[in-house]
Structures are given as structure tokens and as C-alpha cells.
């Protein structure tokens, strides 16, 4: 392990910004560590969830049967769009009463969490430093990461919620006996008793792998894209951090910082929207597949 003096200021800056405001004051070193609680991710994810609930409730309370205003019209267009997407993949009309609103909530929630990545990297960190929240490290900003979807715990927690709903609808639609039977008799189907017994362990293993792959890929896809986008913003921030005064190099780096940050922010808007849409659609597809048999 390299000594602290061997770490460049640029590496130190990025490493510092990858540490959450948590109960241990350091990075989470393993994928699943239930002793670590990231206060910043929990705060911002809950806040964005409350914003979604507030907006949708406001739209429902103030909805009129007459000529809608722009806000009501925008919400109705969004609701109809998600409803159409859900109808195309979920065959059960009764389940749509829950799954369609779930898809809308997931889309808006992830969208708002992703949008936080467009805020200045050090802006809120500086604000929280002034308020005395977090743990200080020398003269650097207090630990605080604003982007919940770049914290693996948040996307994986959401994907585990989708996995539980897959189990729920699989058992509800196929009944407990049919659900368990399908685990051992599909995807390889055989009419012979001996073949069924021999294929049962293989079918069960394949079904476990399928459920695990769906859950892991759903969460890791969102996490990987948002984490990579966050790193790019940090690298761009280093250009502005290299300012040493009014000289040619500093001015050039400053201009590059503004241009690169603007271009990446505009491009990142597409990523923000796309990742929210992909997570929503995969949630709908997986829950739709839970209604179907092999």
C-alpha cells in the first residue's frame, strides 16, 4: 500500500469525494456491509421520494374534470404513458392497479435522484461544511455524496424490492404449489417421471440463477452508469481546481472546465432520463414475466 505522501492531490480529491457521510467515517470496502449506514444517501433518496409523493398528490388533489392546467396535463400525459407501458407487458388487469403506479413512482423517484448529479460537485459539500455536519479531514470538505444512485446500496436495495415483488406475484398468480412446481419443472420440461426427477435440480439451479441475475443486473446497471457519470464530473472539477492565478495555463484550464462541464452535463441529461426509463421498464417486464409460466 502506498504511503499517504505518494498519493497525488488529484487522487486524494477523488478518493475523498467517494467517501459517504456515514457512521464509520470511511469507505465501504465490501458490497454488503450492514454495519455501515450512509446518512447522505438515505437523506437524499428519502427527500426525493417525498418530493415525488408531494407532486403526485398535489396533482391528484387539484385535478379537475374541466380544462386542465399545464401541470395537470403534464402529469396526466406521464401517467397515461406509464399506464400504456405497463399494459403492454403485464397481462393481469387486477395487478395493473398496483404495478402501473409503481412504475410511475420508480421512474420519477430515480429520475429525481439522478438529477442531483447535475449539481456542482463541491457546492453542497461546502454548504454542509459551513453547517458543521459530517466529519472533517484536514482542510478538505466534509464527507458528503449527494448522488444516491451512485451508492450501490440504493440501487441494489431497490432491485431487491423488485425481486420480492416478483416472488409475490409469482406465488399470487400461480399459487404456492404451482410456483414451487415451476421452480423444479421449468425451463426443461419432460413427461417421464425419471427425467423429471433428474432435471429437477438443474431446473431449480437455473431458476435461482435467473432470479439472481435479474436482480443484480437491475441494480448494477443503474449504479454503474451513475457512478461513472459522477467520476467524470469529479475529473472535470479537477480542471477548475488547478487554478493558480491569472496566467495562461490556469485560464485555459478554467475555460476547459466550463466547456467540458457544460457538454458533459447536457449529455448526462440523456443518461439521467435513460437510466430511470430502463429501470422502470425492466421492473414492469420482470413483474409481467412473474405472471407468466415457462
Protein backbone atom coordinates (compact mmCIF):
# COMPACT_ATOMS: atom_id res chain seq x y z
CA UNK A 1 0.00 0.00 0.00
CA UNK A 2 1.35 3.40 -0.96
CA UNK A 3 2.12 5.91 1.74
CA UNK A 4 -0.12 8.97 2.09
CA UNK A 5 2.63 11.17 0.63
CA UNK A 6 2.68 9.05 -2.54
CA UNK A 7 -0.95 9.90 -3.34
CA UNK A 8 -1.30 12.83 -5.74
CA UNK A 9 -3.63 15.73 -4.85
CA UNK A 10 -5.86 14.71 -7.75
CA UNK A 11 -6.20 11.14 -6.47
CA UNK A 12 -6.74 12.38 -2.94
CA UNK A 13 -9.51 14.71 -4.16
CA UNK A 14 -11.36 11.92 -5.94
CA UNK A 15 -10.86 9.42 -3.12
CA UNK A 16 -12.20 11.93 -0.64
CA UNK A 17 -15.32 12.52 -2.73
CA UNK A 18 -16.02 8.79 -2.86
CA UNK A 19 -16.49 8.60 0.93
CA UNK A 20 -20.04 8.89 2.25
CA UNK A 21 -21.22 10.70 5.33
CA UNK A 22 -21.74 7.58 7.42
CA UNK A 23 -21.42 6.12 10.88
CA UNK A 24 -17.87 4.79 10.34
CA UNK A 25 -16.20 7.76 8.65
CA UNK A 26 -14.62 5.72 5.85
CA UNK A 27 -15.44 3.97 2.59
CA UNK A 28 -17.48 0.81 2.48
CA UNK A 29 -14.95 -1.87 1.49
CA UNK A 30 -17.30 -4.75 0.67
CA UNK A 31 -20.50 -4.96 -1.35
CA UNK A 32 -22.68 -5.96 1.61
CA UNK A 33 -21.74 -4.41 4.95
CA UNK A 34 -24.76 -3.95 7.20
CA UNK A 35 -22.67 -2.19 9.85
CA UNK A 36 -22.30 0.86 7.56
CA UNK A 37 -25.14 3.37 7.25
CA UNK A 38 -24.71 6.15 4.69
CA UNK A 39 -26.62 9.11 6.07
CA UNK A 40 -26.25 11.20 2.91
CA UNK A 41 -27.69 8.54 0.58
CA UNK A 42 -30.58 7.84 2.96
CA UNK A 43 -31.35 11.56 3.34
CA UNK A 44 -31.35 12.44 -0.36
CA UNK A 45 -33.18 9.31 -1.50
CA UNK A 46 -35.92 9.84 1.11
CA UNK A 47 -36.14 13.53 0.27
CA UNK A 48 -36.54 12.82 -3.45
CA UNK A 49 -39.15 10.17 -2.66
CA UNK A 50 -41.12 12.69 -0.58
CA UNK A 51 -40.90 15.20 -3.44
CA UNK A 52 -42.39 12.61 -5.82
CA UNK A 53 -45.21 11.86 -3.38
CA UNK A 54 -45.87 15.58 -2.90
CA UNK A 55 -46.01 16.29 -6.64
CA UNK A 56 -48.28 13.35 -7.46
CA UNK A 57 -50.57 14.05 -4.50
CA UNK A 58 -50.81 17.71 -5.46
CA UNK A 59 -51.75 16.70 -8.99
CA UNK A 60 -54.41 14.29 -7.70
CA UNK A 61 -55.91 16.76 -5.19
CA UNK A 62 -56.10 19.66 -7.66
CA UNK A 63 -57.23 17.59 -10.66
CA UNK A 64 -60.37 18.90 -12.35
CA UNK A 65 -62.75 17.40 -14.87
CA UNK A 66 -62.73 20.59 -16.90
CA UNK A 67 -59.91 22.09 -18.93
CA UNK A 68 -56.69 21.01 -17.17
CA UNK A 69 -53.87 23.40 -16.44
CA UNK A 70 -50.36 22.74 -17.70
CA UNK A 71 -49.26 20.96 -14.54
CA UNK A 72 -52.24 18.60 -14.53
CA UNK A 73 -51.84 17.98 -18.26
CA UNK A 74 -48.15 17.10 -17.86
CA UNK A 75 -48.90 14.66 -15.03
CA UNK A 76 -51.77 13.07 -16.94
CA UNK A 77 -49.57 12.59 -20.02
CA UNK A 78 -46.92 10.94 -17.85
CA UNK A 79 -49.46 8.72 -16.10
CA UNK A 80 -51.02 7.62 -19.41
CA UNK A 81 -47.58 6.89 -20.86
CA UNK A 82 -46.57 4.67 -17.94
CA UNK A 83 -50.01 3.02 -17.97
CA UNK A 84 -49.57 2.12 -21.65
CA UNK A 85 -46.10 0.70 -20.99
CA UNK A 86 -47.44 -1.39 -18.10
CA UNK A 87 -50.39 -2.71 -20.13
CA UNK A 88 -48.02 -3.91 -22.85
CA UNK A 89 -46.07 -6.22 -20.51
CA UNK A 90 -48.42 -7.07 -17.60
CA UNK A 91 -51.33 -9.31 -18.70
CA UNK A 92 -53.31 -9.15 -15.44
CA UNK A 93 -55.69 -6.17 -15.22
CA UNK A 94 -56.02 -6.53 -11.44
CA UNK A 95 -52.24 -6.37 -10.95
CA UNK A 96 -52.03 -3.23 -13.08
CA UNK A 97 -53.78 -1.27 -10.32
CA UNK A 98 -50.56 -1.57 -8.30
CA UNK A 99 -47.86 -2.18 -10.91
CA UNK A 100 -48.64 0.86 -13.10
CA UNK A 101 -48.44 3.36 -10.18
CA UNK A 102 -45.32 1.51 -9.00
CA UNK A 103 -43.71 2.03 -12.41
CA UNK A 104 -44.60 5.74 -12.33
CA UNK A 105 -43.18 6.14 -8.82
CA UNK A 106 -39.99 4.26 -9.68
CA UNK A 107 -39.44 6.36 -12.80
CA UNK A 108 -39.93 9.71 -11.09
CA UNK A 109 -38.01 8.70 -7.96
CA UNK A 110 -34.94 7.51 -9.86
CA UNK A 111 -35.17 10.49 -12.21
CA UNK A 112 -35.05 12.98 -9.33
CA UNK A 113 -32.22 11.12 -7.61
CA UNK A 114 -30.24 11.04 -10.86
CA UNK A 115 -30.82 14.76 -11.48
CA UNK A 116 -28.89 15.51 -8.28
CA UNK A 117 -25.75 14.55 -10.19
CA UNK A 118 -26.10 17.78 -12.20
CA UNK A 119 -25.48 19.91 -9.10
CA UNK A 120 -21.92 21.21 -8.52
CA UNK A 121 -19.62 18.52 -7.12
CA UNK A 122 -18.33 20.66 -4.26
CA UNK A 123 -21.27 23.01 -3.84
CA UNK A 124 -23.34 21.13 -1.29
CA UNK A 125 -20.20 19.76 0.36
CA UNK A 126 -19.15 23.34 1.08
CA UNK A 127 -22.62 24.17 2.43
CA UNK A 128 -22.57 21.17 4.74
CA UNK A 129 -19.09 22.12 5.89
CA UNK A 130 -20.40 25.52 6.94
CA UNK A 131 -23.28 23.96 8.85
CA UNK A 132 -20.94 21.67 10.81
CA UNK A 133 -22.38 18.39 9.53
CA UNK A 134 -20.15 15.42 8.76
CA UNK A 135 -16.56 14.51 9.52
CA UNK A 136 -13.69 16.80 8.59
CA UNK A 137 -10.43 15.65 7.06
CA UNK A 138 -7.76 18.33 7.25
CA UNK A 139 -8.71 21.35 5.17
CA UNK A 140 -10.87 19.38 2.75
CA UNK A 141 -14.64 19.47 2.52
CA UNK A 142 -16.75 17.42 4.83
CA UNK A 143 -17.69 13.96 3.62
CA UNK A 144 -20.94 14.16 1.70
CA UNK A 145 -22.06 12.47 -1.52
CA UNK A 146 -25.28 13.82 -2.90
CA UNK A 147 -26.00 11.18 -5.56
CA UNK A 148 -27.91 8.24 -4.01
CA UNK A 149 -27.90 6.11 -7.17
CA UNK A 150 -24.08 6.16 -7.19
CA UNK A 151 -24.21 4.40 -3.82
CA UNK A 152 -24.51 0.69 -4.57
CA UNK A 153 -26.76 0.20 -1.53
CA UNK A 154 -29.61 2.27 -3.01
CA UNK A 155 -29.93 0.66 -6.49
CA UNK A 156 -29.40 -2.83 -5.06
CA UNK A 157 -31.97 -2.17 -2.34
CA UNK A 158 -34.49 -1.13 -4.99
CA UNK A 159 -33.69 -4.18 -7.13
CA UNK A 160 -34.20 -6.45 -4.11
CA UNK A 161 -37.61 -4.84 -3.66
CA UNK A 162 -38.43 -5.74 -7.27
CA UNK A 163 -37.21 -9.30 -6.63
CA UNK A 164 -39.58 -9.64 -3.65
CA UNK A 165 -42.45 -8.40 -5.83
CA UNK A 166 -41.52 -10.99 -8.46
CA UNK A 167 -41.85 -13.69 -5.82
CA UNK A 168 -45.10 -12.18 -4.56
CA UNK A 169 -46.82 -12.09 -7.95
CA UNK A 170 -45.40 -15.47 -8.93
CA UNK A 171 -46.96 -17.03 -5.83
CA UNK A 172 -50.17 -15.00 -6.11
CA UNK A 173 -50.86 -15.81 -9.77
CA UNK A 174 -49.60 -19.41 -9.84
CA UNK A 175 -50.43 -20.21 -6.21
CA UNK A 176 -47.74 -21.57 -3.86
CA UNK A 177 -47.87 -25.10 -5.22
CA UNK A 178 -47.69 -24.01 -8.85
CA UNK A 179 -44.86 -21.57 -8.13
CA UNK A 180 -42.75 -24.19 -6.38
CA UNK A 181 -43.58 -26.78 -9.06
CA UNK A 182 -42.40 -24.42 -11.79
CA UNK A 183 -39.08 -23.93 -10.00
CA UNK A 184 -38.34 -27.64 -10.44
CA UNK A 185 -40.06 -28.42 -13.76
CA UNK A 186 -39.06 -25.48 -15.97
CA UNK A 187 -37.41 -24.46 -18.23
CA UNK A 188 -36.59 -28.10 -19.15
CA UNK A 189 -39.91 -29.93 -19.35
CA UNK A 190 -40.24 -33.70 -19.56
CA UNK A 191 -43.16 -36.14 -19.40
CA UNK A 192 -41.20 -39.04 -17.95
CA UNK A 193 -41.09 -39.40 -14.17
CA UNK A 194 -37.42 -40.34 -14.13
CA UNK A 195 -36.47 -37.44 -16.40
CA UNK A 196 -38.47 -35.02 -14.25
CA UNK A 197 -36.58 -36.16 -11.15
CA UNK A 198 -33.21 -35.93 -12.89
CA UNK A 199 -33.93 -32.49 -14.33
CA UNK A 200 -35.38 -31.06 -11.12
CA UNK A 201 -32.00 -29.96 -9.60
CA UNK A 202 -30.92 -28.44 -12.92
CA UNK A 203 -34.20 -26.54 -13.32
CA UNK A 204 -34.07 -25.30 -9.74
CA UNK A 205 -30.49 -24.08 -10.14
CA UNK A 206 -31.28 -22.33 -13.42
CA UNK A 207 -34.28 -20.57 -11.89
CA UNK A 208 -32.21 -19.39 -8.93
CA UNK A 209 -29.56 -18.07 -11.33
CA UNK A 210 -32.25 -16.32 -13.39
CA UNK A 211 -33.74 -14.55 -10.38
CA UNK A 212 -30.30 -13.58 -9.07
CA UNK A 213 -29.15 -12.34 -12.49
CA UNK A 214 -32.26 -10.19 -12.94
CA UNK A 215 -31.90 -8.63 -9.51
CA UNK A 216 -28.14 -7.99 -9.70
CA UNK A 217 -28.18 -6.67 -13.27
CA UNK A 218 -31.11 -4.34 -12.49
CA UNK A 219 -29.30 -2.67 -9.61
CA UNK A 220 -25.77 -2.78 -11.01
CA UNK A 221 -26.80 -1.24 -14.34
CA UNK A 222 -28.15 1.87 -12.61
CA UNK A 223 -25.28 2.04 -10.14
CA UNK A 224 -22.55 1.57 -12.76
CA UNK A 225 -23.81 4.27 -15.11
CA UNK A 226 -24.43 6.86 -12.42
CA UNK A 227 -21.14 6.11 -10.63
CA UNK A 228 -19.23 6.52 -13.89
CA UNK A 229 -21.01 9.80 -14.59
CA UNK A 230 -20.15 11.06 -11.12
CA UNK A 231 -16.48 10.21 -11.65
CA UNK A 232 -16.43 12.18 -14.91
CA UNK A 233 -17.81 15.24 -13.11
CA UNK A 234 -15.06 14.85 -10.49
CA UNK A 235 -12.39 14.68 -13.19
CA UNK A 236 -13.81 17.81 -14.83
CA UNK A 237 -13.80 19.55 -11.44
CA UNK A 238 -10.05 18.94 -11.26
CA UNK A 239 -9.60 21.33 -14.19
CA UNK A 240 -11.10 24.17 -12.20
CA UNK A 241 -9.22 23.10 -9.09
CA UNK A 242 -5.92 23.61 -10.91
CA UNK A 243 -6.38 27.40 -10.87
CA UNK A 244 -3.19 29.14 -9.69
CA UNK A 245 -3.90 32.72 -10.72
CA UNK A 246 -4.37 34.80 -13.85
CA UNK A 247 -1.94 33.02 -16.13
CA UNK A 248 -2.28 31.26 -19.45
CA UNK A 249 -2.37 27.72 -18.11
CA UNK A 250 -4.93 28.49 -15.41
CA UNK A 251 -7.19 30.44 -17.77
CA UNK A 252 -7.00 27.64 -20.33
CA UNK A 253 -7.88 25.04 -17.72
CA UNK A 254 -10.69 27.24 -16.43
CA UNK A 255 -12.19 27.57 -19.90
CA UNK A 256 -11.81 23.82 -20.40
CA UNK A 257 -13.54 23.24 -17.06
CA UNK A 258 -16.56 25.32 -18.10
CA UNK A 259 -16.80 23.85 -21.61
CA UNK A 260 -16.26 20.22 -20.57
CA UNK A 261 -18.64 20.57 -17.64
CA UNK A 262 -21.36 22.09 -19.82
CA UNK A 263 -21.03 19.49 -22.57
CA UNK A 264 -21.00 16.58 -20.13
CA UNK A 265 -23.95 18.00 -18.18
CA UNK A 266 -26.02 18.27 -21.37
CA UNK A 267 -25.09 14.73 -22.41
CA UNK A 268 -25.66 13.49 -18.87
CA UNK A 269 -29.29 14.63 -19.02
CA UNK A 270 -29.85 11.83 -21.54
CA UNK A 271 -28.20 9.33 -19.19
CA UNK A 272 -30.32 10.55 -16.27
CA UNK A 273 -33.54 10.05 -18.25
CA UNK A 274 -32.44 6.81 -19.90
CA UNK A 275 -31.43 5.08 -16.66
CA UNK A 276 -34.72 5.98 -14.99
CA UNK A 277 -36.63 4.68 -18.02
CA UNK A 278 -34.62 1.45 -18.21
CA UNK A 279 -35.10 0.68 -14.50
CA UNK A 280 -38.83 1.34 -14.79
CA UNK A 281 -39.25 -0.79 -17.93
CA UNK A 282 -37.24 -3.69 -16.53
CA UNK A 283 -39.32 -3.53 -13.35
CA UNK A 284 -42.50 -3.76 -15.44
CA UNK A 285 -41.08 -6.54 -17.62
CA UNK A 286 -39.90 -8.64 -14.66
CA UNK A 287 -43.23 -8.29 -12.88
CA UNK A 288 -45.00 -9.13 -16.11
CA UNK A 289 -42.89 -12.26 -16.50
CA UNK A 290 -43.82 -13.26 -12.94
CA UNK A 291 -47.41 -13.59 -14.17
CA UNK A 292 -46.44 -15.99 -16.96
CA UNK A 293 -45.36 -19.60 -16.92
CA UNK A 294 -42.39 -21.07 -18.75
